Amino acid sequence: MTGGRTVATVGTFDGIHRGHQAVLREVVRRAGTRTSLLVTFDPHPLEVVNPSAAPRLLTLSDEKRALAAAVGVARVEVVAFTPELARLGPEEFVRGVLRARFGMEELVLGYDHGFGRGRAGDVEMVRRLAQEDGFAMEVVAAVKDDGQPISSSLIRTAVAHGDLASAERGLGRPYTLRGVVERGAGRGRTIGVPTINITPPDPRKLLPPDGVYAVRVEIDGTRYGGMMNQGARPTFGVHARGLEIHLFDFTGDLYGAAVTVEWVRRLRDTQTFPSRQALVDQIERDAIAARAILTG
């Protein structure tokens, strides 16, 4: 057994949305002097069980760890989801993984939880198992938005359609991306608009529709406003998707720095301009609009 007595929850927890947060807060509350634990998976189970149905992700593993820690969870275990794991029945998973490996004394689940082969480990089945094996179990009710239970799939739909306000309501925070600043081509400096370029994210990460956005960027705990071109840069003949950000009121070298980008509002589509000056004029208009949104 690795590491003591735990109060645990288990699941994909993509997004760590408000419903997930309610479960995690209950885990932390019940843990007391024991260890609060989230057991989650990478890759997403559907990537193994039904790859064609696997969704783009709201949160990659490092993002999930940080968000769970922010709610107060002491320990996050990312278990490799393999075909062998997928074949385990719920009893085998609870006894062989949660109990034997992670010292689980108490299990907290969301109201709609299912795990194990064919998601057979529903709440009622786990209740019976808890009675047989002598561990405590708690079920957390749905957290609703406008009468509808908050779910990762609903938030994914909102992000994919650019409905950032709905996504933010479900998540309880703006939609974000963690990335590293890489060296770009320096084109921004040539037109007087220095930018930072973010390394292309894991292709599994869900991005909102391409366009120009007002954004906030967190660097070493400080948040800066800015605007981001997400997508191609057709005026420069660059057709590969990029994430290029002009930060307001920031000077300094950020190459190699880890940053968190927060989408705030979409300003416009990416477009091709007839000249560099036309692009510069539009960027100035974008900057005025973005500043107004970020300070409004």
Protein backbone atom coordinates (compact mmCIF):
# COMPACT_ATOMS: atom_id res chain seq x y z
CA MET A 1 0.00 0.00 0.00
CA THR A 2 1.38 3.43 -0.90
CA GLY A 3 0.89 6.16 1.60
CA GLY A 4 -1.40 5.91 4.56
CA ARG A 5 -5.08 6.45 5.16
CA THR A 6 -6.99 8.34 2.51
CA VAL A 7 -10.39 9.79 1.79
CA ALA A 8 -10.64 9.47 -1.97
CA THR A 9 -12.64 10.22 -5.04
CA VAL A 10 -12.04 8.75 -8.46
CA GLY A 11 -12.89 9.75 -12.00
CA THR A 12 -11.84 11.59 -15.12
CA PHE A 13 -12.64 15.01 -13.58
CA ASP A 14 -12.05 16.80 -16.89
CA GLY A 15 -12.33 20.51 -16.26
CA ILE A 16 -12.50 20.38 -12.45
CA HIS A 17 -15.81 22.22 -12.93
CA ARG A 18 -18.14 23.39 -10.15
CA GLY A 19 -19.66 19.92 -9.78
CA HIS A 20 -16.21 18.36 -9.47
CA GLN A 21 -15.19 21.07 -7.00
CA ALA A 22 -18.15 20.18 -4.76
CA VAL A 23 -16.97 16.55 -4.69
CA LEU A 24 -13.36 17.54 -4.00
CA ARG A 25 -14.34 19.95 -1.22
CA GLU A 26 -16.30 17.12 0.43
CA VAL A 27 -13.24 14.87 0.15
CA VAL A 28 -11.10 17.55 1.83
CA ARG A 29 -13.74 18.15 4.53
CA ARG A 30 -14.07 14.48 5.38
CA ALA A 31 -10.35 13.79 5.32
CA GLY A 32 -9.58 15.82 8.44
CA THR A 33 -6.18 14.50 9.59
CA ARG A 34 -6.19 11.83 6.87
CA THR A 35 -5.02 12.47 3.30
CA SER A 36 -7.45 13.84 0.72
CA LEU A 37 -6.91 12.05 -2.60
CA LEU A 38 -8.07 12.39 -6.20
CA VAL A 39 -7.44 9.32 -8.34
CA THR A 40 -7.77 10.27 -12.00
CA PHE A 41 -6.72 8.88 -15.36
CA ASP A 42 -4.52 9.63 -18.35
CA PRO A 43 -5.34 9.15 -21.14
CA HIS A 44 -9.09 9.82 -21.03
CA PRO A 45 -10.77 6.39 -20.70
CA LEU A 46 -12.59 6.83 -24.02
CA GLU A 47 -9.23 7.09 -25.81
CA VAL A 48 -8.75 3.43 -24.84
CA VAL A 49 -12.32 2.10 -24.80
CA ASN A 50 -13.78 3.97 -27.79
CA PRO A 51 -11.18 6.23 -29.44
CA SER A 52 -13.54 7.69 -32.05
CA ALA A 53 -15.70 9.08 -29.21
CA ALA A 54 -12.80 10.47 -27.16
CA PRO A 55 -13.31 14.20 -26.54
CA ARG A 56 -10.82 17.04 -26.67
CA LEU A 57 -9.91 17.86 -23.07
CA LEU A 58 -10.72 20.87 -20.92
CA THR A 59 -7.81 20.07 -18.61
CA LEU A 60 -4.60 18.16 -19.25
CA SER A 61 -3.04 16.29 -16.32
CA ASP A 62 -0.81 19.15 -15.11
CA GLU A 63 -3.76 21.56 -15.22
CA LYS A 64 -5.91 19.08 -13.32
CA ARG A 65 -3.27 18.71 -10.60
CA ALA A 66 -3.01 22.46 -10.11
CA LEU A 67 -6.80 22.96 -10.00
CA ALA A 68 -7.33 20.10 -7.54
CA ALA A 69 -4.59 21.49 -5.29
CA ALA A 70 -6.26 24.91 -5.42
CA VAL A 71 -9.42 23.35 -3.95
CA GLY A 72 -7.31 21.89 -1.14
CA VAL A 73 -6.74 18.30 -2.28
CA ALA A 74 -3.49 17.04 -0.76
CA ARG A 75 -2.69 14.30 -3.25
CA VAL A 76 -3.47 13.67 -6.91
CA GLU A 77 -2.65 10.29 -8.44
CA VAL A 78 -2.80 10.09 -12.25
CA VAL A 79 -3.27 6.41 -13.08
CA ALA A 80 -2.39 5.21 -16.58
CA PHE A 81 -5.65 4.10 -18.18
CA THR A 82 -4.80 0.91 -20.06
CA PRO A 83 -6.83 -1.85 -21.72
CA GLU A 84 -6.02 -3.99 -18.65
CA LEU A 85 -7.43 -1.37 -16.30
CA ALA A 86 -10.51 -1.02 -18.52
CA ARG A 87 -11.21 -4.73 -18.09
CA LEU A 88 -11.30 -4.55 -14.29
CA GLY A 89 -14.72 -4.90 -12.72
CA PRO A 90 -15.68 -2.22 -10.18
CA GLU A 91 -15.07 -4.55 -7.21
CA GLU A 92 -11.57 -5.35 -8.48
CA PHE A 93 -10.87 -1.66 -9.03
CA VAL A 94 -12.06 -0.61 -5.57
CA ARG A 95 -10.28 -3.45 -3.77
CA GLY A 96 -7.14 -3.77 -5.90
CA VAL A 97 -6.50 -0.10 -6.69
CA LEU A 98 -8.30 2.25 -4.29
CA ARG A 99 -8.02 0.08 -1.17
CA ALA A 100 -4.79 -1.87 -1.71
CA ARG A 101 -2.72 0.76 -3.53
CA PHE A 102 -4.04 3.99 -2.07
CA GLY A 103 -5.26 3.09 1.42
CA MET A 104 -8.80 4.32 0.74
CA GLU A 105 -10.92 4.34 3.93
CA GLU A 106 -13.69 6.54 2.63
CA LEU A 107 -14.97 7.12 -0.92
CA VAL A 108 -16.77 10.24 -2.13
CA LEU A 109 -18.54 10.09 -5.49
CA GLY A 110 -20.60 12.41 -7.62
CA TYR A 111 -24.29 11.57 -8.03
CA ASP A 112 -23.87 10.23 -11.61
CA HIS A 113 -20.63 8.35 -11.14
CA GLY A 114 -19.81 5.15 -12.97
CA PHE A 115 -16.50 3.29 -13.22
CA GLY A 116 -15.11 -0.15 -13.86
CA ARG A 117 -15.83 -2.32 -16.88
CA GLY A 118 -18.88 -0.89 -18.69
CA ARG A 119 -19.23 1.79 -15.98
CA ALA A 120 -20.90 -0.90 -13.86
CA GLY A 121 -19.57 0.70 -10.68
CA ASP A 122 -22.53 2.99 -10.15
CA VAL A 123 -23.48 4.56 -6.84
CA GLU A 124 -25.79 1.71 -5.75
CA MET A 125 -23.23 -0.98 -6.55
CA VAL A 126 -20.54 0.90 -4.62
CA ARG A 127 -22.91 1.32 -1.65
CA ARG A 128 -23.25 -2.47 -1.46
CA LEU A 129 -19.49 -2.91 -1.75
CA ALA A 130 -18.91 -0.34 1.01
CA GLN A 131 -21.17 -2.32 3.35
CA GLU A 132 -19.43 -5.60 2.49
CA ASP A 133 -15.89 -4.25 2.84
CA GLY A 134 -16.45 -1.84 5.70
CA PHE A 135 -15.49 1.49 4.15
CA ALA A 136 -17.53 4.68 4.34
CA MET A 137 -19.13 6.24 1.28
CA GLU A 138 -20.71 9.59 0.51
CA VAL A 139 -22.54 10.78 -2.61
CA VAL A 140 -22.49 14.47 -3.56
CA ALA A 141 -25.56 15.92 -5.28
CA ALA A 142 -25.45 17.61 -8.68
CA VAL A 143 -24.42 21.25 -8.93
CA LYS A 144 -26.75 22.92 -11.40
CA ASP A 145 -26.61 25.91 -13.70
CA ASP A 146 -29.98 27.24 -14.81
CA GLY A 147 -31.62 24.04 -13.62
CA GLN A 148 -29.29 21.71 -15.52
CA PRO A 149 -26.52 19.65 -13.91
CA ILE A 150 -23.10 21.02 -14.81
CA SER A 151 -21.11 18.53 -16.89
CA SER A 152 -17.80 18.39 -18.73
CA SER A 153 -19.58 17.63 -22.00
CA LEU A 154 -21.77 20.74 -21.77
CA ILE A 155 -18.72 22.89 -21.01
CA ARG A 156 -16.81 21.34 -23.92
CA THR A 157 -19.68 22.25 -26.24
CA ALA A 158 -19.66 25.83 -24.93
CA VAL A 159 -15.89 26.21 -25.43
CA ALA A 160 -16.00 24.65 -28.89
CA HIS A 161 -18.69 27.12 -29.95
CA GLY A 162 -16.88 30.09 -28.40
CA ASP A 163 -19.49 30.56 -25.65
CA LEU A 164 -16.90 31.54 -23.06
CA ALA A 165 -19.48 33.01 -20.67
CA SER A 166 -21.33 29.68 -20.36
CA ALA A 167 -18.05 27.81 -19.98
CA GLU A 168 -16.98 30.21 -17.22
CA ARG A 169 -20.27 29.71 -15.34
CA GLY A 170 -19.85 25.93 -15.44
CA LEU A 171 -16.16 25.98 -14.53
CA GLY A 172 -16.48 28.68 -11.88
CA ARG A 173 -13.53 30.44 -13.53
CA PRO A 174 -12.46 31.54 -17.01
CA TYR A 175 -11.25 28.87 -19.44
CA THR A 176 -7.47 28.61 -19.42
CA LEU A 177 -4.41 27.04 -20.99
CA ARG A 178 -1.04 26.41 -19.34
CA GLY A 179 1.86 26.79 -21.75
CA VAL A 180 5.49 27.72 -22.18
CA VAL A 181 6.78 30.81 -23.99
CA GLU A 182 8.87 29.91 -27.03
CA ARG A 183 10.99 32.00 -29.34
CA GLY A 184 8.96 33.32 -32.26
CA ALA A 185 9.93 34.89 -35.56
CA GLY A 186 10.03 38.41 -34.07
CA ARG A 187 7.49 39.74 -36.56
CA GLY A 188 5.60 41.65 -33.86
CA ARG A 189 8.62 43.79 -33.05
CA THR A 190 8.96 44.83 -36.69
CA ILE A 191 5.54 46.50 -36.52
CA GLY A 192 5.98 47.88 -33.01
CA VAL A 193 3.78 45.27 -31.30
CA PRO A 194 6.07 42.84 -29.42
CA THR A 195 4.46 39.49 -28.72
CA ILE A 196 5.06 36.27 -26.85
CA ASN A 197 4.49 32.96 -28.58
CA ILE A 198 3.10 29.99 -26.65
CA THR A 199 4.32 26.50 -27.55
CA PRO A 200 1.61 24.61 -29.44
CA PRO A 201 -0.57 22.90 -26.84
CA ASP A 202 -1.09 19.16 -26.61
CA PRO A 203 -3.42 18.34 -29.54
CA ARG A 204 -5.86 16.80 -27.06
CA LYS A 205 -6.45 20.23 -25.48
CA LEU A 206 -9.73 21.82 -26.56
CA LEU A 207 -9.37 25.38 -27.87
CA PRO A 208 -12.18 27.82 -28.60
CA PRO A 209 -12.64 28.89 -32.25
CA ASP A 210 -9.65 30.67 -33.77
CA GLY A 211 -9.72 34.46 -33.71
CA VAL A 212 -8.42 37.49 -31.85
CA TYR A 213 -9.18 37.51 -28.12
CA ALA A 214 -8.87 39.74 -25.09
CA VAL A 215 -6.89 37.62 -22.63
CA ARG A 216 -5.25 37.66 -19.23
CA VAL A 217 -1.89 35.97 -18.73
CA GLU A 218 -0.58 34.86 -15.35
CA ILE A 219 3.20 35.03 -15.00
CA ASP A 220 4.75 34.06 -11.66
CA GLY A 221 1.51 34.80 -9.82
CA THR A 222 0.93 38.21 -11.48
CA ARG A 223 -1.81 38.65 -14.08
CA TYR A 224 -1.39 40.91 -17.10
CA GLY A 225 -3.96 41.94 -19.67
CA GLY A 226 -3.34 41.43 -23.34
CA MET A 227 -4.72 40.33 -26.66
CA MET A 228 -4.06 37.06 -28.44
CA ASN A 229 -4.11 36.01 -32.06
CA GLN A 230 -5.12 32.34 -32.03
CA GLY A 231 -4.76 30.70 -35.42
CA ALA A 232 -3.00 31.54 -38.66
CA ARG A 233 -1.26 34.84 -39.39
CA PRO A 234 -2.30 35.18 -43.04
CA THR A 235 -0.96 38.72 -43.53
CA PHE A 236 2.52 37.26 -42.94
CA GLY A 237 1.79 34.14 -45.01
CA VAL A 238 1.83 31.90 -41.93
CA HIS A 239 -0.94 29.31 -42.12
CA ALA A 240 -0.02 27.09 -39.18
CA ARG A 241 -2.07 27.68 -36.03
CA GLY A 242 -0.22 29.70 -33.41
CA LEU A 243 -0.92 31.39 -30.08
CA GLU A 244 0.67 34.85 -30.18
CA ILE A 245 0.01 37.35 -27.39
CA HIS A 246 0.72 41.05 -27.04
CA LEU A 247 0.88 41.87 -23.32
CA PHE A 248 -0.20 45.28 -22.10
CA ASP A 249 2.08 47.11 -19.67
CA PHE A 250 4.74 44.41 -19.58
CA THR A 251 8.38 44.49 -20.57
CA GLY A 252 10.84 41.67 -20.11
CA ASP A 253 12.14 38.43 -21.54
CA LEU A 254 9.82 35.48 -20.97
CA TYR A 255 11.46 32.80 -23.12
CA GLY A 256 11.01 29.45 -21.41
CA ALA A 257 8.59 30.80 -18.81
CA ALA A 258 5.47 28.82 -17.88
CA VAL A 259 2.34 30.97 -18.16
CA THR A 260 -1.42 30.52 -17.84
CA VAL A 261 -3.54 32.09 -20.58
CA GLU A 262 -7.15 32.99 -19.74
CA TRP A 263 -9.56 33.58 -22.63
CA VAL A 264 -11.77 36.57 -21.73
CA ARG A 265 -13.67 37.59 -24.87
CA ARG A 266 -13.43 37.11 -28.62
CA LEU A 267 -12.84 40.34 -30.54
CA ARG A 268 -12.94 39.21 -34.18
CA ASP A 269 -11.97 36.58 -36.75
CA THR A 270 -8.40 36.30 -37.95
CA GLN A 271 -8.17 38.02 -41.33
CA THR A 272 -5.76 38.97 -44.09
CA PHE A 273 -4.88 42.66 -44.34
CA PRO A 274 -3.85 44.41 -47.56
CA SER A 275 -0.78 45.95 -45.94
CA ARG A 276 1.25 46.01 -42.75
CA GLN A 277 -0.14 49.45 -41.95
CA ALA A 278 -3.72 48.17 -42.23
CA LEU A 279 -2.78 45.39 -39.80
CA VAL A 280 -1.16 47.87 -37.38
CA ASP A 281 -4.26 50.10 -37.50
CA GLN A 282 -6.49 47.10 -36.71
CA ILE A 283 -4.22 45.98 -33.87
CA GLU A 284 -4.52 49.45 -32.34
CA ARG A 285 -8.32 49.19 -32.51
CA ASP A 286 -8.14 45.66 -31.03
CA ALA A 287 -5.96 46.93 -28.17
CA ILE A 288 -8.46 49.67 -27.28
CA ALA A 289 -11.32 47.15 -27.34
CA ALA A 290 -9.39 44.58 -25.28
CA ARG A 291 -8.34 47.12 -22.64
CA ALA A 292 -11.98 48.26 -22.31
CA ILE A 293 -13.15 44.65 -21.82
CA LEU A 294 -10.41 43.84 -19.30
CA THR A 295 -11.03 46.94 -17.20
CA GLY A 296 -14.84 46.91 -17.57
